[in-house]
C-alpha atoms as a PDB file:
ATOM      1  CA  MET A   1       1.639 -27.259   9.803  1.00  0.00           C
ATOM      2  CA  ARG A   2       4.580 -26.071   6.854  1.00  0.00           C
ATOM      3  CA  ALA A   3       4.440 -22.381   6.605  1.00  0.00           C
ATOM      4  CA  LEU A   4       6.602 -20.339   4.199  1.00  0.00           C
ATOM      5  CA  ILE A   5       7.539 -16.746   5.305  1.00  0.00           C
ATOM      6  CA  THR A   6       8.619 -14.204   2.831  1.00  0.00           C
ATOM      7  CA  GLY A   7       9.872 -11.005   4.409  1.00  0.00           C
ATOM      8  CA  GLY A   8      11.438 -13.313   6.829  1.00  0.00           C
ATOM      9  CA  ALA A   9      13.927 -11.381   8.103  1.00  0.00           C
ATOM     10  CA  GLY A  10      11.923  -8.332   8.603  1.00  0.00           C
ATOM     11  CA  PHE A  11      10.431  -7.400  11.277  1.00  0.00           C
ATOM     12  CA  ILE A  12       6.911  -9.027  11.924  1.00  0.00           C
ATOM     13  CA  GLY A  13       8.349 -12.263   9.739  1.00  0.00           C
ATOM     14  CA  THR A  14      11.271 -12.530  12.413  1.00  0.00           C
ATOM     15  CA  ASN A  15       8.744 -12.720  15.199  1.00  0.00           C
ATOM     16  CA  LEU A  16       6.167 -14.927  13.271  1.00  0.00           C
ATOM     17  CA  ALA A  17       9.194 -17.321  12.845  1.00  0.00           C
ATOM     18  CA  LEU A  18      10.484 -17.523  15.806  1.00  0.00           C
ATOM     19  CA  LYS A  19       7.172 -18.024  17.685  1.00  0.00           C
ATOM     20  CA  LEU A  20       6.259 -20.616  15.148  1.00  0.00           C
ATOM     21  CA  ALA A  21       9.574 -22.665  16.127  1.00  0.00           C
ATOM     22  CA  GLU A  22       8.294 -21.856  19.983  1.00  0.00           C
ATOM     23  CA  ILE A  23       5.240 -24.011  19.104  1.00  0.00           C
ATOM     24  CA  GLY A  24       6.919 -26.573  17.509  1.00  0.00           C
ATOM     25  CA  ASN A  25       5.341 -29.046  15.249  1.00  0.00           C
ATOM     26  CA  GLN A  26       5.927 -26.815  12.441  1.00  0.00           C
ATOM     27  CA  GLU A  27       8.235 -26.895   9.167  1.00  0.00           C
ATOM     28  CA  ILE A  28       9.435 -23.428   8.630  1.00  0.00           C
ATOM     29  CA  LEU A  29      10.982 -21.733   5.641  1.00  0.00           C
ATOM     30  CA  THR A  30      11.595 -18.478   5.792  1.00  0.00           C
ATOM     31  CA  THR A  31      13.152 -16.061   2.872  1.00  0.00           C
ATOM     32  CA  ASP A  32      13.916 -12.634   2.329  1.00  0.00           C
ATOM     33  CA  ASN A  33      16.704 -10.380   0.083  1.00  0.00           C
ATOM     34  CA  LEU A  34      18.247  -8.846   3.008  1.00  0.00           C
ATOM     35  CA  SER A  35      17.869  -5.733   1.565  1.00  0.00           C
ATOM     36  CA  ARG A  36      16.415  -3.452   4.805  1.00  0.00           C
ATOM     37  CA  ARG A  37      18.963  -2.830   7.203  1.00  0.00           C
ATOM     38  CA  GLY A  38      19.149  -4.824  10.382  1.00  0.00           C
ATOM     39  CA  SER A  39      17.523  -7.937   8.731  1.00  0.00           C
ATOM     40  CA  GLU A  40      21.026  -9.516   8.916  1.00  0.00           C
ATOM     41  CA  PHE A  41      20.518  -9.258  12.505  1.00  0.00           C
ATOM     42  CA  ASN A  42      17.596 -11.094  12.271  1.00  0.00           C
ATOM     43  CA  LEU A  43      18.880 -13.975  10.189  1.00  0.00           C
ATOM     44  CA  GLU A  44      21.605 -14.653  13.044  1.00  0.00           C
ATOM     45  CA  THR A  45      18.367 -14.642  15.428  1.00  0.00           C
ATOM     46  CA  LEU A  46      16.653 -16.858  13.047  1.00  0.00           C
ATOM     47  CA  GLN A  47      19.703 -19.000  12.196  1.00  0.00           C
ATOM     48  CA  SER A  48      20.438 -19.707  16.225  1.00  0.00           C
ATOM     49  CA  LYS A  49      17.326 -21.135  16.322  1.00  0.00           C
ATOM     50  CA  ASP A  50      17.977 -23.350  13.497  1.00  0.00           C
ATOM     51  CA  ILE A  51      14.483 -21.982  11.327  1.00  0.00           C
ATOM     52  CA  SER A  52      15.597 -22.550   7.852  1.00  0.00           C
ATOM     53  CA  PHE A  53      16.456 -19.601   5.785  1.00  0.00           C
ATOM     54  CA  LYS A  54      16.965 -19.077   1.889  1.00  0.00           C
ATOM     55  CA  LYS A  55      18.315 -15.778   0.725  1.00  0.00           C
ATOM     56  CA  SER A  56      15.667 -14.770  -2.213  1.00  0.00           C
ATOM     57  CA  GLU A  57      14.015 -12.085  -4.259  1.00  0.00           C
ATOM     58  CA  LEU A  58      10.412 -12.532  -4.820  1.00  0.00           C
ATOM     59  CA  GLU A  59      10.526 -13.928  -8.129  1.00  0.00           C
ATOM     60  CA  ASP A  60      12.854 -17.238  -6.999  1.00  0.00           C
ATOM     61  CA  VAL A  61      10.143 -18.143  -4.291  1.00  0.00           C
ATOM     62  CA  LEU A  62       8.136 -18.771  -7.325  1.00  0.00           C
ATOM     63  CA  GLY A  63      10.204 -21.984  -7.473  1.00  0.00           C
ATOM     64  CA  LEU A  64      10.297 -22.201  -3.883  1.00  0.00           C
ATOM     65  CA  ILE A  65       6.659 -23.082  -3.544  1.00  0.00           C
ATOM     66  CA  PRO A  66       6.179 -25.765  -5.419  1.00  0.00           C
ATOM     67  CA  TYR A  67       9.452 -27.184  -3.974  1.00  0.00           C
ATOM     68  CA  PHE A  68       9.050 -26.990  -0.245  1.00  0.00           C
ATOM     69  CA  LYS A  69       4.672 -27.323  -0.525  1.00  0.00           C
ATOM     70  CA  PRO A  70       3.615 -25.106   2.312  1.00  0.00           C
ATOM     71  CA  ASP A  71       0.600 -25.642   3.995  1.00  0.00           C
ATOM     72  CA  VAL A  72       0.320 -21.591   4.050  1.00  0.00           C
ATOM     73  CA  VAL A  73       1.864 -18.920   2.838  1.00  0.00           C
ATOM     74  CA  TYR A  74       2.649 -15.538   4.673  1.00  0.00           C
ATOM     75  CA  HIS A  75       3.249 -12.784   2.392  1.00  0.00           C
ATOM     76  CA  PHE A  76       5.362 -10.249   4.316  1.00  0.00           C
ATOM     77  CA  ALA A  77       7.626  -9.224   1.523  1.00  0.00           C
ATOM     78  CA  ALA A  78       6.636  -5.846   0.538  1.00  0.00           C
ATOM     79  CA  GLN A  79       8.198  -2.009  -0.157  1.00  0.00           C
ATOM     80  CA  VAL A  80       6.939  -0.266   2.757  1.00  0.00           C
ATOM     81  CA  ALA A  81       7.825   3.639   2.474  1.00  0.00           C
ATOM     82  CA  VAL A  82       4.973   5.726   1.149  1.00  0.00           C
ATOM     83  CA  THR A  83       7.548   8.481  -0.216  1.00  0.00           C
ATOM     84  CA  ASP A  84       9.869   5.971  -2.111  1.00  0.00           C
ATOM     85  CA  SER A  85       6.759   5.047  -3.669  1.00  0.00           C
ATOM     86  CA  VAL A  86       6.191   8.359  -4.924  1.00  0.00           C
ATOM     87  CA  THR A  87      10.193   8.603  -6.047  1.00  0.00           C
ATOM     88  CA  SER A  88       9.904   5.153  -7.441  1.00  0.00           C
ATOM     89  CA  PRO A  89       6.218   4.167  -8.051  1.00  0.00           C
ATOM     90  CA  LYS A  90       7.183   1.656 -10.920  1.00  0.00           C
ATOM     91  CA  ARG A  91       9.348  -0.326  -8.390  1.00  0.00           C
ATOM     92  CA  ASP A  92       6.539  -0.214  -5.992  1.00  0.00           C
ATOM     93  CA  PHE A  93       4.479  -1.602  -8.009  1.00  0.00           C
ATOM     94  CA  ASP A  94       6.406  -4.428  -9.456  1.00  0.00           C
ATOM     95  CA  ILE A  95       7.297  -5.334  -5.413  1.00  0.00           C
ATOM     96  CA  ASN A  96       3.854  -4.917  -4.091  1.00  0.00           C
ATOM     97  CA  ALA A  97       1.421  -5.691  -6.520  1.00  0.00           C
ATOM     98  CA  LYS A  98       2.963  -7.449  -9.491  1.00  0.00           C
ATOM     99  CA  GLY A  99       4.913  -9.365  -6.939  1.00  0.00           C
ATOM    100  CA  THR A 100       2.001 -10.548  -4.720  1.00  0.00           C
ATOM    101  CA  ILE A 101      -0.149 -12.032  -7.606  1.00  0.00           C
ATOM    102  CA  ASP A 102       2.842 -14.153  -8.183  1.00  0.00           C
ATOM    103  CA  ILE A 103       3.076 -15.278  -5.088  1.00  0.00           C
ATOM    104  CA  VAL A 104      -0.479 -15.704  -4.503  1.00  0.00           C
ATOM    105  CA  LEU A 105      -0.621 -17.741  -8.076  1.00  0.00           C
ATOM    106  CA  ALA A 106       1.971 -20.076  -7.448  1.00  0.00           C
ATOM    107  CA  ALA A 107       0.296 -20.708  -4.224  1.00  0.00           C
ATOM    108  CA  ARG A 108      -2.754 -21.409  -5.546  1.00  0.00           C
ATOM    109  CA  GLU A 109      -1.114 -24.746  -8.117  1.00  0.00           C
ATOM    110  CA  ILE A 110      -0.501 -26.177  -4.556  1.00  0.00           C
ATOM    111  CA  LEU A 111      -3.885 -24.919  -2.530  1.00  0.00           C
ATOM    112  CA  ALA A 112      -1.809 -22.987  -0.218  1.00  0.00           C
ATOM    113  CA  PRO A 113      -3.968 -19.800   0.964  1.00  0.00           C
ATOM    114  CA  VAL A 114      -2.124 -16.955   1.967  1.00  0.00           C
ATOM    115  CA  ILE A 115      -2.018 -14.479   5.077  1.00  0.00           C
ATOM    116  CA  TYR A 116      -1.012 -10.876   3.657  1.00  0.00           C
ATOM    117  CA  THR A 117      -0.142  -7.708   5.495  1.00  0.00           C
ATOM    118  CA  SER A 118      -1.843  -5.130   3.687  1.00  0.00           C
ATOM    119  CA  THR A 119      -2.305  -1.700   5.394  1.00  0.00           C
ATOM    120  CA  ASN A 120      -4.661   0.997   6.398  1.00  0.00           C
ATOM    121  CA  LYS A 121      -3.244   3.427   3.096  1.00  0.00           C
ATOM    122  CA  VAL A 122      -6.075   0.904   1.226  1.00  0.00           C
ATOM    123  CA  PHE A 123      -8.577   3.655   2.748  1.00  0.00           C
ATOM    124  CA  GLY A 124      -6.640   6.355   0.773  1.00  0.00           C
ATOM    125  CA  ASP A 125      -7.818  10.061   1.458  1.00  0.00           C
ATOM    126  CA  ASN A 126     -11.107   9.198   2.529  1.00  0.00           C
ATOM    127  CA  VAL A 127     -10.152   8.987   6.017  1.00  0.00           C
ATOM    128  CA  ASN A 128      -9.133  12.801   6.438  1.00  0.00           C
ATOM    129  CA  GLU A 129     -12.307  13.615   4.708  1.00  0.00           C
ATOM    130  CA  LEU A 130     -13.873  12.925   8.307  1.00  0.00           C
ATOM    131  CA  PRO A 131     -14.802  15.553  10.800  1.00  0.00           C
ATOM    132  CA  LEU A 132     -12.512  15.685  13.739  1.00  0.00           C
ATOM    133  CA  GLU A 133     -11.634  17.242  16.885  1.00  0.00           C
ATOM    134  CA  GLU A 134      -8.440  18.760  18.237  1.00  0.00           C
ATOM    135  CA  PHE A 135      -7.573  18.462  21.564  1.00  0.00           C
ATOM    136  CA  LYS A 136      -3.681  19.496  23.363  1.00  0.00           C
ATOM    137  CA  THR A 137      -1.513  16.628  22.337  1.00  0.00           C
ATOM    138  CA  ARG A 138      -4.032  14.595  19.925  1.00  0.00           C
ATOM    139  CA  TRP A 139      -6.607  14.391  17.290  1.00  0.00           C
ATOM    140  CA  ASP A 140      -9.602  12.234  17.296  1.00  0.00           C
ATOM    141  CA  PHE A 141     -12.302  11.329  14.750  1.00  0.00           C
ATOM    142  CA  GLN A 142     -15.907  13.338  16.100  1.00  0.00           C
ATOM    143  CA  GLY A 143     -19.274  11.449  15.819  1.00  0.00           C
ATOM    144  CA  GLU A 144     -20.130   7.922  15.769  1.00  0.00           C
ATOM    145  CA  LEU A 145     -16.848   6.257  14.753  1.00  0.00           C
ATOM    146  CA  LYS A 146     -14.986   8.207  18.023  1.00  0.00           C
ATOM    147  CA  GLY A 147     -13.857   5.546  20.432  1.00  0.00           C
ATOM    148  CA  LYS A 148     -15.090   2.858  17.742  1.00  0.00           C
ATOM    149  CA  GLY A 149     -12.266   3.369  14.795  1.00  0.00           C
ATOM    150  CA  ILE A 150     -12.870   2.186  10.766  1.00  0.00           C
ATOM    151  CA  ASN A 151     -14.060  -1.151   9.955  1.00  0.00           C
ATOM    152  CA  GLU A 152     -13.762  -3.503   6.792  1.00  0.00           C
ATOM    153  CA  ASP A 153     -16.984  -1.815   4.966  1.00  0.00           C
ATOM    154  CA  PHE A 154     -15.219   1.555   4.893  1.00  0.00           C
ATOM    155  CA  SER A 155     -14.715   2.950   2.112  1.00  0.00           C
ATOM    156  CA  ILE A 156     -11.726   2.292  -0.067  1.00  0.00           C
ATOM    157  CA  ASP A 157     -13.066   4.342  -3.376  1.00  0.00           C
ATOM    158  CA  SER A 158     -10.686   7.941  -3.602  1.00  0.00           C
ATOM    159  CA  SER A 159      -8.322   9.160  -6.108  1.00  0.00           C
ATOM    160  CA  HIS A 160      -5.800  10.090  -3.298  1.00  0.00           C
ATOM    161  CA  HIS A 161      -3.773   7.168  -2.117  1.00  0.00           C
ATOM    162  CA  THR A 162      -0.268   7.406  -2.784  1.00  0.00           C
ATOM    163  CA  PRO A 163       1.532   4.725  -5.042  1.00  0.00           C
ATOM    164  CA  TYR A 164       1.961   2.337  -1.685  1.00  0.00           C
ATOM    165  CA  GLY A 165      -1.782   2.614  -1.008  1.00  0.00           C
ATOM    166  CA  ILE A 166      -2.647   1.438  -4.365  1.00  0.00           C
ATOM    167  CA  SER A 167      -0.090  -1.038  -4.551  1.00  0.00           C
ATOM    168  CA  LYS A 168      -0.775  -2.674  -1.565  1.00  0.00           C
ATOM    169  CA  LEU A 169      -4.881  -2.641  -2.283  1.00  0.00           C
ATOM    170  CA  VAL A 170      -4.172  -4.401  -5.669  1.00  0.00           C
ATOM    171  CA  GLY A 171      -1.868  -6.939  -3.929  1.00  0.00           C
ATOM    172  CA  GLU A 172      -4.839  -7.528  -1.554  1.00  0.00           C
ATOM    173  CA  MET A 173      -7.467  -7.408  -3.720  1.00  0.00           C
ATOM    174  CA  TYR A 174      -5.733 -10.498  -5.733  1.00  0.00           C
ATOM    175  CA  VAL A 175      -4.796 -12.125  -1.918  1.00  0.00           C
ATOM    176  CA  ARG A 176      -8.634 -11.898  -1.431  1.00  0.00           C
ATOM    177  CA  GLU A 177      -9.707 -12.796  -4.920  1.00  0.00           C
ATOM    178  CA  TYR A 178      -7.790 -16.611  -5.000  1.00  0.00           C
ATOM    179  CA  GLY A 179      -9.051 -16.977  -1.432  1.00  0.00           C
ATOM    180  CA  GLY A 180      -6.422 -16.099   1.003  1.00  0.00           C
ATOM    181  CA  ILE A 181      -6.553 -13.237   3.973  1.00  0.00           C
ATOM    182  CA  ALA A 182      -5.797  -9.823   4.061  1.00  0.00           C
ATOM    183  CA  ASN A 183      -5.128  -8.166   7.075  1.00  0.00           C
ATOM    184  CA  ARG A 184      -4.653  -3.759   6.819  1.00  0.00           C
ATOM    185  CA  CYS A 185      -2.914  -3.215   9.646  1.00  0.00           C
ATOM    186  CA  SER A 186      -2.051  -0.280  11.786  1.00  0.00           C
ATOM    187  CA  CYS A 187       1.010   0.622  13.475  1.00  0.00           C
ATOM    188  CA  MET A 188       2.721  -2.585  14.903  1.00  0.00           C
ATOM    189  CA  TYR A 189       5.793  -2.423  16.755  1.00  0.00           C
ATOM    190  CA  GLY A 190       8.163  -4.787  19.132  1.00  0.00           C
ATOM    191  CA  PRO A 191      11.789  -6.520  19.495  1.00  0.00           C
ATOM    192  CA  HIS A 192      13.421  -7.303  15.894  1.00  0.00           C
ATOM    193  CA  GLN A 193      11.629  -3.880  14.508  1.00  0.00           C
ATOM    194  CA  ASN A 194      14.538  -1.208  12.418  1.00  0.00           C
ATOM    195  CA  GLY A 195      12.426   1.292  12.530  1.00  0.00           C
ATOM    196  CA  ILE A 196      12.732   4.278   9.729  1.00  0.00           C
ATOM    197  CA  VAL A 197      11.032   7.368   9.185  1.00  0.00           C
ATOM    198  CA  ASP A 198       8.985   5.995   6.645  1.00  0.00           C
ATOM    199  CA  GLN A 199       7.837   2.706   8.689  1.00  0.00           C
ATOM    200  CA  GLY A 200       8.524   1.613  12.215  1.00  0.00           C
ATOM    201  CA  TRP A 201       7.868   4.741  13.816  1.00  0.00           C
ATOM    202  CA  LEU A 202       8.330   3.717  17.381  1.00  0.00           C
ATOM    203  CA  SER A 203      10.997   2.285  16.942  1.00  0.00           C
ATOM    204  CA  HIS A 204      12.266   5.044  15.076  1.00  0.00           C
ATOM    205  CA  ILE A 205      12.036   7.566  17.774  1.00  0.00           C
ATOM    206  CA  ALA A 206      12.986   5.095  20.333  1.00  0.00           C
ATOM    207  CA  LYS A 207      16.498   4.923  17.935  1.00  0.00           C
ATOM    208  CA  LYS A 208      16.800   8.643  17.794  1.00  0.00           C
ATOM    209  CA  ILE A 209      16.228   9.523  21.700  1.00  0.00           C
ATOM    210  CA  ILE A 210      18.684   6.509  22.586  1.00  0.00           C
ATOM    211  CA  ALA A 211      21.533   8.373  20.495  1.00  0.00           C
ATOM    212  CA  GLY A 212      20.516  11.734  21.637  1.00  0.00           C
ATOM    213  CA  GLU A 213      19.302  12.736  18.186  1.00  0.00           C
ATOM    214  CA  LYS A 214      16.933  15.429  17.134  1.00  0.00           C
ATOM    215  CA  ILE A 215      13.880  14.092  16.548  1.00  0.00           C
ATOM    216  CA  THR A 216      11.758  15.561  13.421  1.00  0.00           C
ATOM    217  CA  ILE A 217       8.178  15.366  13.301  1.00  0.00           C
ATOM    218  CA  TYR A 218       6.287  15.512   9.929  1.00  0.00           C
ATOM    219  CA  GLY A 219       3.012  17.765  10.474  1.00  0.00           C
ATOM    220  CA  ASP A 220       1.812  18.901  14.558  1.00  0.00           C
ATOM    221  CA  GLY A 221       2.652  15.713  15.974  1.00  0.00           C
ATOM    222  CA  LYS A 222      -0.993  14.994  17.001  1.00  0.00           C
ATOM    223  CA  GLN A 223      -2.037  12.920  14.675  1.00  0.00           C
ATOM    224  CA  ILE A 224      -2.884   9.287  16.664  1.00  0.00           C
ATOM    225  CA  ARG A 225      -2.586   5.409  15.829  1.00  0.00           C
ATOM    226  CA  ASP A 226      -3.630   2.161  17.514  1.00  0.00           C
ATOM    227  CA  VAL A 227      -0.458   0.692  18.323  1.00  0.00           C
ATOM    228  CA  LEU A 228      -0.204  -3.063  17.970  1.00  0.00           C
ATOM    229  CA  HIS A 229       2.866  -4.934  20.048  1.00  0.00           C
ATOM    230  CA  SER A 230       4.062  -7.754  17.261  1.00  0.00           C
ATOM    231  CA  ASP A 231       3.070 -10.739  20.324  1.00  0.00           C
ATOM    232  CA  ASP A 232      -0.585  -9.675  19.361  1.00  0.00           C
ATOM    233  CA  ALA A 233       0.283  -9.461  15.946  1.00  0.00           C
ATOM    234  CA  ILE A 234       1.667 -12.848  15.682  1.00  0.00           C
ATOM    235  CA  ASP A 235      -1.104 -14.272  17.754  1.00  0.00           C
ATOM    236  CA  LEU A 236      -3.500 -13.141  15.043  1.00  0.00           C
ATOM    237  CA  PHE A 237      -1.482 -14.833  12.379  1.00  0.00           C
ATOM    238  CA  ILE A 238      -1.133 -17.844  13.306  1.00  0.00           C
ATOM    239  CA  LYS A 239      -4.835 -18.317  14.605  1.00  0.00           C
ATOM    240  CA  GLN A 240      -5.818 -17.077  11.428  1.00  0.00           C
ATOM    241  CA  GLY A 241      -3.574 -20.172   9.391  1.00  0.00           C
ATOM    242  CA  LYS A 242      -4.705 -22.424  11.620  1.00  0.00           C
ATOM    243  CA  ALA A 243      -7.806 -21.615  10.705  1.00  0.00           C
ATOM    244  CA  ILE A 244      -8.152 -21.326   6.902  1.00  0.00           C
ATOM    245  CA  ILE A 245      -6.359 -24.943   6.952  1.00  0.00           C
ATOM    246  CA  SER A 246      -8.035 -26.715   9.521  1.00  0.00           C
ATOM    247  CA  GLN A 247     -11.579 -25.721   9.022  1.00  0.00           C
ATOM    248  CA  GLY A 248     -11.082 -24.705   5.195  1.00  0.00           C
ATOM    249  CA  LYS A 249     -11.388 -21.720   3.257  1.00  0.00           C
ATOM    250  CA  GLU A 250     -15.234 -21.182   3.009  1.00  0.00           C
ATOM    251  CA  GLU A 251     -15.424 -19.279   6.166  1.00  0.00           C
ATOM    252  CA  PHE A 252     -12.410 -17.088   5.496  1.00  0.00           C
ATOM    253  CA  GLN A 253     -12.028 -17.337   2.047  1.00  0.00           C
ATOM    254  CA  GLY A 254     -11.172 -13.319   1.072  1.00  0.00           C
ATOM    255  CA  GLN A 255     -11.865 -11.796   4.192  1.00  0.00           C
ATOM    256  CA  ALA A 256      -9.905  -8.465   5.067  1.00  0.00           C
ATOM    257  CA  TYR A 257      -9.696  -7.299   8.363  1.00  0.00           C
ATOM    258  CA  ASN A 258      -8.473  -4.255  10.151  1.00  0.00           C
ATOM    259  CA  VAL A 259      -5.395  -5.458  12.578  1.00  0.00           C
ATOM    260  CA  GLY A 260      -4.557  -2.659  15.380  1.00  0.00           C
ATOM    261  CA  GLY A 261      -4.604  -2.308  18.933  1.00  0.00           C
ATOM    262  CA  GLY A 262      -8.059  -0.548  18.854  1.00  0.00           C
ATOM    263  CA  TYR A 263      -9.137   2.385  20.431  1.00  0.00           C
ATOM    264  CA  GLU A 264      -7.224   1.623  24.225  1.00  0.00           C
ATOM    265  CA  ASN A 265      -4.260   1.560  22.561  1.00  0.00           C
ATOM    266  CA  THR A 266      -4.123   5.060  20.148  1.00  0.00           C
ATOM    267  CA  ILE A 267      -1.427   7.153  21.331  1.00  0.00           C
ATOM    268  CA  SER A 268       0.030  10.489  19.532  1.00  0.00           C
ATOM    269  CA  LEU A 269       3.484  11.713  18.656  1.00  0.00           C
ATOM    270  CA  LEU A 270       3.737  14.241  21.158  1.00  0.00           C
ATOM    271  CA  GLU A 271       2.396  11.801  23.550  1.00  0.00           C
ATOM    272  CA  LEU A 272       4.955   8.843  23.011  1.00  0.00           C
ATOM    273  CA  CYS A 273       7.631  11.335  22.796  1.00  0.00           C
ATOM    274  CA  SER A 274       6.209  12.627  26.331  1.00  0.00           C
ATOM    275  CA  MET A 275       6.287   9.473  27.712  1.00  0.00           C
ATOM    276  CA  TRP A 276      10.200   9.095  26.763  1.00  0.00           C
ATOM    277  CA  GLY A 277      11.103  12.411  28.277  1.00  0.00           C
ATOM    278  CA  LYS A 278      10.808  14.941  24.921  1.00  0.00           C
ATOM    279  CA  GLU A 279       8.497  17.616  25.241  1.00  0.00           C
ATOM    280  CA  LYS A 280       6.980  20.082  22.493  1.00  0.00           C
ATOM    281  CA  LYS A 281       9.619  22.275  22.433  1.00  0.00           C
ATOM    282  CA  GLU A 282      12.572  19.909  22.258  1.00  0.00           C
ATOM    283  CA  LEU A 283      11.149  18.513  18.670  1.00  0.00           C
ATOM    284  CA  ASN A 284      11.573  19.920  14.916  1.00  0.00           C
ATOM    285  CA  PHE A 285       8.754  20.033  12.969  1.00  0.00           C
ATOM    286  CA  GLU A 286       8.325  19.917   9.118  1.00  0.00           C
ATOM    287  CA  ASN A 287       5.605  19.732   6.196  1.00  0.00           C
ATOM    288  CA  TRP A 288       2.847  17.359   6.488  1.00  0.00           C
ATOM    289  CA  ARG A 289       3.982  14.302   4.283  1.00  0.00           C
ATOM    290  CA  PRO A 290       1.872  13.273   1.715  1.00  0.00           C
ATOM    291  CA  ALA A 291      -1.758  11.227   2.816  1.00  0.00           C
ATOM    292  CA  ASP A 292      -0.822  11.442   5.797  1.00  0.00           C
ATOM    293  CA  GLN A 293      -3.775  10.713   8.297  1.00  0.00           C
ATOM    294  CA  LYS A 294      -4.316  12.419  11.043  1.00  0.00           C
ATOM    295  CA  VAL A 295      -6.520   9.814  12.718  1.00  0.00           C
ATOM    296  CA  PHE A 296      -6.760   6.297  12.128  1.00  0.00           C
ATOM    297  CA  TYR A 297      -7.330   3.158  14.614  1.00  0.00           C
ATOM    298  CA  CYS A 298      -9.370   0.444  13.865  1.00  0.00           C
ATOM    299  CA  ASP A 299     -12.517  -1.326  14.669  1.00  0.00           C
ATOM    300  CA  ILE A 300     -11.013  -4.564  15.404  1.00  0.00           C
ATOM    301  CA  SER A 301     -14.236  -6.472  16.358  1.00  0.00           C
ATOM    302  CA  LYS A 302     -14.514  -8.469  12.915  1.00  0.00           C
ATOM    303  CA  ALA A 303     -11.152 -10.445  13.948  1.00  0.00           C
ATOM    304  CA  GLN A 304     -12.274 -10.524  17.287  1.00  0.00           C
ATOM    305  CA  GLU A 305     -15.606 -12.279  16.598  1.00  0.00           C
ATOM    306  CA  HIS A 306     -13.990 -14.781  13.952  1.00  0.00           C
ATOM    307  CA  PHE A 307     -10.730 -15.858  15.749  1.00  0.00           C
ATOM    308  CA  ASP A 308     -11.666 -15.064  19.789  1.00  0.00           C
ATOM    309  CA  TRP A 309      -8.342 -12.549  19.606  1.00  0.00           C
ATOM    310  CA  LYS A 310      -7.610  -8.965  21.421  1.00  0.00           C
ATOM    311  CA  PRO A 311      -4.562  -7.412  21.854  1.00  0.00           C
ATOM    312  CA  GLN A 312      -3.128  -8.645  25.390  1.00  0.00           C
ATOM    313  CA  VAL A 313      -0.114  -6.169  25.817  1.00  0.00           C
ATOM    314  CA  GLY A 314      -1.231  -2.620  26.270  1.00  0.00           C
ATOM    315  CA  TYR A 315       0.649   0.015  24.725  1.00  0.00           C
ATOM    316  CA  LYS A 316       2.467   1.246  28.115  1.00  0.00           C
ATOM    317  CA  GLN A 317       3.958  -1.516  28.799  1.00  0.00           C
ATOM    318  CA  GLY A 318       4.866  -2.796  25.243  1.00  0.00           C
ATOM    319  CA  ILE A 319       6.368   1.151  24.625  1.00  0.00           C
ATOM    320  CA  ASP A 320       8.216   0.356  27.694  1.00  0.00           C
ATOM    321  CA  GLN A 321       9.837  -2.915  26.256  1.00  0.00           C
ATOM    322  CA  LEU A 322      10.531  -1.451  22.751  1.00  0.00           C
ATOM    323  CA  TYR A 323      12.627   0.974  24.194  1.00  0.00           C
ATOM    324  CA  GLN A 324      14.703  -1.622  26.580  1.00  0.00           C
ATOM    325  CA  TRP A 325      15.298  -3.856  23.295  1.00  0.00           C
ATOM    326  CA  THR A 326      15.992  -0.739  21.464  1.00  0.00           C
ATOM    327  CA  LYS A 327      18.920   0.293  23.702  1.00  0.00           C
ATOM    328  CA  GLU A 328      19.693  -3.166  23.774  1.00  0.00           C
ATOM    329  CA  ASN A 329      20.370  -3.385  20.374  1.00  0.00           C
ATOM    330  CA  GLN A 330      22.093   0.129  19.192  1.00  0.00           C
ATOM    331  CA  HIS A 331      24.366  -1.984  17.129  1.00  0.00           C
ATOM    332  CA  ILE A 332      21.384  -2.811  14.907  1.00  0.00           C
END
């Protein structure tokens, strides 16, 4: 398989490239503009494994696609911060929406399917309209969704998505329209992640604790997510790539998948901090951020059925691994 990975020096791109190289019999080309702090260290890791890399803006990738002729394009390059999308919506649109359709159309010219990382933010404020139940350290759904989660048929029709949710949804729709796969990702974590306050919150909190810095929680800290280790995310993406190439586009054409750890891998901010020795009284609390969801976790049964996939890394094991990796890589 010949794979092109945009955002290839990012967290997920790096982990995917390393796994494909480990499997062997792959031709891999990674591209990234290296604008994200930490990507330069991920690039060193890629180069240590002799993985091809081209520093490129998204518009430059359009010329790489007909040159490299990938069998599949993994499109991970994105503007990822909700707050940045609010302050700079045009830039957010140019990267996530326009940038994605440009990639999709270039890949279509050589009949290469696109596998895309979307987001749970495509569901907008509809998630916040669901009835919830409050517990000591977390919120949870009430009723039929409790313990099951949100599936792909849940409504995306809402007037409140944030610009980030809109731009990722537009990108997703173009990917699906032209026969690709969109993965509506919950919270992924793992090695080679350099989390910030707006994205990669497990990594961000780990860095704060290790550095002995004050941790700020937006909201009450009881919001929960189903966290997914990068090993499990990469396993799914590779299975999707193989399936859509070997079995043809028809079965998987235009599909969306909710991708997360599922209910058994849910954790709240308060619970995470407690696992790492920080209790509520030691935390700093600020107002809720725009469109923050008190509860989100995925019904992952569709991905399980289509690709015989299930998360293997439990959140306790995975979070311990993340903390240790972050501690060993404080220079990033």
